[in-house]
PDB file of N, CA and C in Angstrom:
ATOM      1  N   MET A   1       8.041  -9.679  51.306  1.00  0.00           N
ATOM      2  CA  MET A   1       8.568  -9.990  49.992  1.00  0.00           C
ATOM      3  C   MET A   1       7.671  -9.450  48.890  1.00  0.00           C
ATOM      4  N   SER A   2       6.331  -9.594  49.043  1.00  0.00           N
ATOM      5  CA  SER A   2       5.418  -9.114  48.012  1.00  0.00           C
ATOM      6  C   SER A   2       5.443  -7.593  47.915  1.00  0.00           C
ATOM      7  N   LEU A   3       5.658  -6.925  49.046  1.00  0.00           N
ATOM      8  CA  LEU A   3       5.748  -5.467  49.014  1.00  0.00           C
ATOM      9  C   LEU A   3       6.985  -5.029  48.234  1.00  0.00           C
ATOM     10  N   LEU A   4       8.076  -5.730  48.420  1.00  0.00           N
ATOM     11  CA  LEU A   4       9.300  -5.424  47.688  1.00  0.00           C
ATOM     12  C   LEU A   4       9.109  -5.643  46.193  1.00  0.00           C
ATOM     13  N   LEU A   5       8.466  -6.733  45.809  1.00  0.00           N
ATOM     14  CA  LEU A   5       8.212  -7.002  44.401  1.00  0.00           C
ATOM     15  C   LEU A   5       7.268  -5.972  43.794  1.00  0.00           C
ATOM     16  N   THR A   6       6.264  -5.556  44.562  1.00  0.00           N
ATOM     17  CA  THR A   6       5.331  -4.545  44.075  1.00  0.00           C
ATOM     18  C   THR A   6       6.047  -3.232  43.834  1.00  0.00           C
ATOM     19  N   ARG A   7       6.901  -2.835  44.771  1.00  0.00           N
ATOM     20  CA  ARG A   7       7.653  -1.592  44.601  1.00  0.00           C
ATOM     21  C   ARG A   7       8.581  -1.672  43.385  1.00  0.00           C
ATOM     22  N   LEU A   8       9.254  -2.801  43.239  1.00  0.00           N
ATOM     23  CA  LEU A   8      10.144  -2.982  42.099  1.00  0.00           C
ATOM     24  C   LEU A   8       9.361  -2.908  40.788  1.00  0.00           C
ATOM     25  N   PHE A   9       8.218  -3.561  40.748  1.00  0.00           N
ATOM     26  CA  PHE A   9       7.368  -3.535  39.547  1.00  0.00           C
ATOM     27  C   PHE A   9       6.937  -2.108  39.227  1.00  0.00           C
ATOM     28  N   LEU A  10       6.479  -1.372  40.231  1.00  0.00           N
ATOM     29  CA  LEU A  10       6.035   0.002  40.009  1.00  0.00           C
ATOM     30  C   LEU A  10       7.177   0.903  39.575  1.00  0.00           C
ATOM     31  N   MET A  11       8.367   0.677  40.111  1.00  0.00           N
ATOM     32  CA  MET A  11       9.511   1.487  39.704  1.00  0.00           C
ATOM     33  C   MET A  11       9.856   1.236  38.237  1.00  0.00           C
ATOM     34  N   LEU A  12       9.703   0.004  37.796  1.00  0.00           N
ATOM     35  CA  LEU A  12      10.037  -0.323  36.419  1.00  0.00           C
ATOM     36  C   LEU A  12       8.968   0.127  35.438  1.00  0.00           C
ATOM     37  N   VAL A  13       7.703   0.034  35.828  1.00  0.00           N
ATOM     38  CA  VAL A  13       6.609   0.310  34.902  1.00  0.00           C
ATOM     39  C   VAL A  13       6.217   1.781  34.892  1.00  0.00           C
ATOM     40  N   VAL A  14       6.098   2.389  36.044  1.00  0.00           N
ATOM     41  CA  VAL A  14       5.558   3.740  36.153  1.00  0.00           C
ATOM     42  C   VAL A  14       6.636   4.801  36.032  1.00  0.00           C
ATOM     43  N   LYS A  15       7.874   4.418  36.133  1.00  0.00           N
ATOM     44  CA  LYS A  15       8.976   5.365  36.081  1.00  0.00           C
ATOM     45  C   LYS A  15       8.913   6.197  34.797  1.00  0.00           C
ATOM     46  N   PRO A  16       8.855   7.522  34.916  1.00  0.00           N
ATOM     47  CA  PRO A  16       8.823   8.352  33.709  1.00  0.00           C
ATOM     48  C   PRO A  16      10.148   8.256  32.961  1.00  0.00           C
ATOM     49  N   ARG A  17      10.034   8.078  31.698  1.00  0.00           N
ATOM     50  CA  ARG A  17      11.230   7.963  30.860  1.00  0.00           C
ATOM     51  C   ARG A  17      11.439   9.278  30.117  1.00  0.00           C
ATOM     52  N   PRO A  18      12.679   9.631  29.870  1.00  0.00           N
ATOM     53  CA  PRO A  18      12.928  10.878  29.135  1.00  0.00           C
ATOM     54  C   PRO A  18      12.367  10.783  27.717  1.00  0.00           C
ATOM     55  N   ALA A  19      11.807  11.887  27.267  1.00  0.00           N
ATOM     56  CA  ALA A  19      11.245  11.923  25.921  1.00  0.00           C
ATOM     57  C   ALA A  19      12.356  11.828  24.898  1.00  0.00           C
ATOM     58  N   ARG A  20      12.104  11.072  23.852  1.00  0.00           N
ATOM     59  CA  ARG A  20      13.084  10.984  22.788  1.00  0.00           C
ATOM     60  C   ARG A  20      12.435  11.431  21.490  1.00  0.00           C
ATOM     61  N   LYS A  21      13.228  11.849  20.593  1.00  0.00           N
ATOM     62  CA  LYS A  21      12.705  12.353  19.325  1.00  0.00           C
ATOM     63  C   LYS A  21      12.197  11.184  18.494  1.00  0.00           C
ATOM     64  N   GLU A  22      10.972  11.325  18.013  1.00  0.00           N
ATOM     65  CA  GLU A  22      10.393  10.310  17.150  1.00  0.00           C
ATOM     66  C   GLU A  22      10.761  10.616  15.706  1.00  0.00           C
ATOM     67  N   ARG A  23      11.444   9.700  15.079  1.00  0.00           N
ATOM     68  CA  ARG A  23      11.847   9.907  13.689  1.00  0.00           C
ATOM     69  C   ARG A  23      10.977   9.116  12.733  1.00  0.00           C
ATOM     70  N   GLY A  24      10.108   8.277  13.260  1.00  0.00           N
ATOM     71  CA  GLY A  24       9.278   7.464  12.394  1.00  0.00           C
ATOM     72  C   GLY A  24       9.991   6.189  11.993  1.00  0.00           C
ATOM     73  N   ASP A  25       9.271   5.385  11.291  1.00  0.00           N
ATOM     74  CA  ASP A  25       9.802   4.098  10.876  1.00  0.00           C
ATOM     75  C   ASP A  25      10.119   4.152   9.386  1.00  0.00           C
ATOM     76  N   VAL A  26      11.196   4.829   9.043  1.00  0.00           N
ATOM     77  CA  VAL A  26      11.552   5.035   7.644  1.00  0.00           C
ATOM     78  C   VAL A  26      11.802   3.718   6.918  1.00  0.00           C
ATOM     79  N   PRO A  27      12.575   2.795   7.454  1.00  0.00           N
ATOM     80  CA  PRO A  27      12.780   1.538   6.718  1.00  0.00           C
ATOM     81  C   PRO A  27      11.476   0.786   6.467  1.00  0.00           C
ATOM     82  N   GLY A  28      10.538   0.862   7.400  1.00  0.00           N
ATOM     83  CA  GLY A  28       9.243   0.208   7.214  1.00  0.00           C
ATOM     84  C   GLY A  28       8.474   0.802   6.051  1.00  0.00           C
ATOM     85  N   TRP A  29       8.439   2.118   5.965  1.00  0.00           N
ATOM     86  CA  TRP A  29       7.727   2.773   4.869  1.00  0.00           C
ATOM     87  C   TRP A  29       8.398   2.508   3.538  1.00  0.00           C
ATOM     88  N   VAL A  30       9.711   2.470   3.530  1.00  0.00           N
ATOM     89  CA  VAL A  30      10.427   2.162   2.289  1.00  0.00           C
ATOM     90  C   VAL A  30      10.099   0.747   1.847  1.00  0.00           C
ATOM     91  N   LEU A  31      10.082  -0.189   2.778  1.00  0.00           N
ATOM     92  CA  LEU A  31       9.766  -1.576   2.450  1.00  0.00           C
ATOM     93  C   LEU A  31       8.351  -1.701   1.896  1.00  0.00           C
ATOM     94  N   ILE A  32       7.392  -1.033   2.515  1.00  0.00           N
ATOM     95  CA  ILE A  32       6.007  -1.075   2.036  1.00  0.00           C
ATOM     96  C   ILE A  32       5.915  -0.493   0.635  1.00  0.00           C
ATOM     97  N   THR A  33       6.585   0.614   0.387  1.00  0.00           N
ATOM     98  CA  THR A  33       6.546   1.250  -0.930  1.00  0.00           C
ATOM     99  C   THR A  33       7.164   0.356  -1.994  1.00  0.00           C
ATOM    100  N   VAL A  34       8.307  -0.229  -1.688  1.00  0.00           N
ATOM    101  CA  VAL A  34       8.977  -1.096  -2.659  1.00  0.00           C
ATOM    102  C   VAL A  34       8.150  -2.352  -2.933  1.00  0.00           C
ATOM    103  N   MET A  35       7.561  -2.927  -1.896  1.00  0.00           N
ATOM    104  CA  MET A  35       6.746  -4.123  -2.088  1.00  0.00           C
ATOM    105  C   MET A  35       5.484  -3.813  -2.900  1.00  0.00           C
ATOM    106  N   THR A  36       4.875  -2.660  -2.654  1.00  0.00           N
ATOM    107  CA  THR A  36       3.696  -2.267  -3.422  1.00  0.00           C
ATOM    108  C   THR A  36       4.048  -2.067  -4.889  1.00  0.00           C
ATOM    109  N   ALA A  37       5.151  -1.395  -5.142  1.00  0.00           N
ATOM    110  CA  ALA A  37       5.590  -1.199  -6.523  1.00  0.00           C
ATOM    111  C   ALA A  37       5.880  -2.545  -7.187  1.00  0.00           C
ATOM    112  N   GLY A  38       6.480  -3.456  -6.463  1.00  0.00           N
ATOM    113  CA  GLY A  38       6.758  -4.785  -7.001  1.00  0.00           C
ATOM    114  C   GLY A  38       5.485  -5.541  -7.341  1.00  0.00           C
ATOM    115  N   LEU A  39       4.478  -5.441  -6.474  1.00  0.00           N
ATOM    116  CA  LEU A  39       3.195  -6.092  -6.760  1.00  0.00           C
ATOM    117  C   LEU A  39       2.533  -5.504  -7.994  1.00  0.00           C
ATOM    118  N   VAL A  40       2.572  -4.201  -8.130  1.00  0.00           N
ATOM    119  CA  VAL A  40       1.978  -3.557  -9.300  1.00  0.00           C
ATOM    120  C   VAL A  40       2.672  -4.025 -10.573  1.00  0.00           C
ATOM    121  N   VAL A  41       3.985  -4.060 -10.562  1.00  0.00           N
ATOM    122  CA  VAL A  41       4.736  -4.495 -11.742  1.00  0.00           C
ATOM    123  C   VAL A  41       4.431  -5.954 -12.066  1.00  0.00           C
ATOM    124  N   ALA A  42       4.364  -6.798 -11.039  1.00  0.00           N
ATOM    125  CA  ALA A  42       4.087  -8.221 -11.257  1.00  0.00           C
ATOM    126  C   ALA A  42       2.688  -8.435 -11.827  1.00  0.00           C
ATOM    127  N   ILE A  43       1.684  -7.765 -11.257  1.00  0.00           N
ATOM    128  CA  ILE A  43       0.313  -7.913 -11.751  1.00  0.00           C
ATOM    129  C   ILE A  43       0.199  -7.347 -13.152  1.00  0.00           C
ATOM    130  N   TRP A  44       0.825  -6.215 -13.386  1.00  0.00           N
ATOM    131  CA  TRP A  44       0.780  -5.595 -14.713  1.00  0.00           C
ATOM    132  C   TRP A  44       1.438  -6.500 -15.763  1.00  0.00           C
ATOM    133  N   GLY A  45       2.532  -7.121 -15.380  1.00  0.00           N
ATOM    134  CA  GLY A  45       3.219  -8.012 -16.306  1.00  0.00           C
ATOM    135  C   GLY A  45       2.403  -9.245 -16.658  1.00  0.00           C
ATOM    136  N   VAL A  46       1.670  -9.765 -15.690  1.00  0.00           N
ATOM    137  CA  VAL A  46       0.893 -10.987 -15.914  1.00  0.00           C
ATOM    138  C   VAL A  46      -0.430 -10.688 -16.597  1.00  0.00           C
ATOM    139  N   ALA A  47      -1.112  -9.637 -16.169  1.00  0.00           N
ATOM    140  CA  ALA A  47      -2.479  -9.409 -16.635  1.00  0.00           C
ATOM    141  C   ALA A  47      -2.665  -8.043 -17.277  1.00  0.00           C
ATOM    142  N   GLY A  48      -1.598  -7.452 -17.798  1.00  0.00           N
ATOM    143  CA  GLY A  48      -1.685  -6.103 -18.360  1.00  0.00           C
ATOM    144  C   GLY A  48      -2.670  -5.990 -19.509  1.00  0.00           C
ATOM    145  N   ARG A  49      -2.601  -6.916 -20.422  1.00  0.00           N
ATOM    146  CA  ARG A  49      -3.490  -6.847 -21.595  1.00  0.00           C
ATOM    147  C   ARG A  49      -4.953  -7.034 -21.190  1.00  0.00           C
ATOM    148  N   GLN A  50      -5.230  -7.962 -20.274  1.00  0.00           N
ATOM    149  CA  GLN A  50      -6.598  -8.192 -19.819  1.00  0.00           C
ATOM    150  C   GLN A  50      -7.144  -6.978 -19.075  1.00  0.00           C
ATOM    151  N   LEU A  51      -6.296  -6.350 -18.277  1.00  0.00           N
ATOM    152  CA  LEU A  51      -6.737  -5.152 -17.552  1.00  0.00           C
ATOM    153  C   LEU A  51      -7.031  -4.010 -18.521  1.00  0.00           C
ATOM    154  N   GLN A  52      -6.213  -3.870 -19.535  1.00  0.00           N
ATOM    155  CA  GLN A  52      -6.436  -2.829 -20.535  1.00  0.00           C
ATOM    156  C   GLN A  52      -7.743  -3.080 -21.287  1.00  0.00           C
ATOM    157  N   ASP A  53      -7.986  -4.340 -21.660  1.00  0.00           N
ATOM    158  CA  ASP A  53      -9.239  -4.676 -22.345  1.00  0.00           C
ATOM    159  C   ASP A  53     -10.451  -4.398 -21.459  1.00  0.00           C
ATOM    160  N   MET A  54     -10.339  -4.743 -20.173  1.00  0.00           N
ATOM    161  CA  MET A  54     -11.451  -4.478 -19.245  1.00  0.00           C
ATOM    162  C   MET A  54     -11.737  -2.989 -19.154  1.00  0.00           C
ATOM    163  N   LEU A  55     -10.697  -2.182 -19.057  1.00  0.00           N
ATOM    164  CA  LEU A  55     -10.874  -0.738 -18.963  1.00  0.00           C
ATOM    165  C   LEU A  55     -11.502  -0.181 -20.238  1.00  0.00           C
ATOM    166  N   GLU A  56     -11.017  -0.620 -21.384  1.00  0.00           N
ATOM    167  CA  GLU A  56     -11.576  -0.128 -22.650  1.00  0.00           C
ATOM    168  C   GLU A  56     -13.041  -0.532 -22.799  1.00  0.00           C
ATOM    169  N   ASN A  57     -13.385  -1.755 -22.436  1.00  0.00           N
ATOM    170  CA  ASN A  57     -14.780  -2.198 -22.507  1.00  0.00           C
ATOM    171  C   ASN A  57     -15.665  -1.387 -21.572  1.00  0.00           C
ATOM    172  N   ALA A  58     -15.177  -1.106 -20.371  1.00  0.00           N
ATOM    173  CA  ALA A  58     -15.961  -0.322 -19.415  1.00  0.00           C
ATOM    174  C   ALA A  58     -16.170   1.096 -19.928  1.00  0.00           C
ATOM    175  N   LEU A  59     -15.128   1.706 -20.476  1.00  0.00           N
ATOM    176  CA  LEU A  59     -15.262   3.069 -20.980  1.00  0.00           C
ATOM    177  C   LEU A  59     -16.161   3.111 -22.216  1.00  0.00           C
ATOM    178  N   ASP A  60     -16.062   2.089 -23.079  1.00  0.00           N
ATOM    179  CA  ASP A  60     -16.941   2.044 -24.251  1.00  0.00           C
ATOM    180  C   ASP A  60     -18.395   1.876 -23.848  1.00  0.00           C
ATOM    181  N   SER A  61     -18.662   1.062 -22.830  1.00  0.00           N
ATOM    182  CA  SER A  61     -20.056   0.866 -22.413  1.00  0.00           C
ATOM    183  C   SER A  61     -20.633   2.130 -21.797  1.00  0.00           C
ATOM    184  N   VAL A  62     -19.814   2.932 -21.166  1.00  0.00           N
ATOM    185  CA  VAL A  62     -20.309   4.184 -20.565  1.00  0.00           C
ATOM    186  C   VAL A  62     -20.517   5.236 -21.659  1.00  0.00           C
ATOM    187  N   SER A  63     -19.618   5.310 -22.600  1.00  0.00           N
ATOM    188  CA  SER A  63     -19.719   6.347 -23.632  1.00  0.00           C
ATOM    189  C   SER A  63     -20.809   6.030 -24.659  1.00  0.00           C
ATOM    190  N   ASN A  64     -21.203   4.783 -24.812  1.00  0.00           N
ATOM    191  CA  ASN A  64     -22.229   4.400 -25.780  1.00  0.00           C
ATOM    192  C   ASN A  64     -23.636   4.621 -25.260  1.00  0.00           C
ATOM    193  N   LYS A  65     -23.793   4.878 -23.982  1.00  0.00           N
ATOM    194  CA  LYS A  65     -25.152   5.055 -23.431  1.00  0.00           C
ATOM    195  C   LYS A  65     -25.632   6.457 -23.557  1.00  0.00           C
TER     196      LYS A  65
END
């Protein structure tokens, strides 16, 4: 019985499968891109003015030295 199970397991696992064309995970990349854009818009909407002030202060401190 164990020999039969071993053969069955090997036939299922080691059996070469025909190559198929890889097209990539397009919906996954679209979802990541849309979610990233959404996060940027949300953060910009909440903290846009503070981020702009931080950038201006940093650039002023570099240019004044």
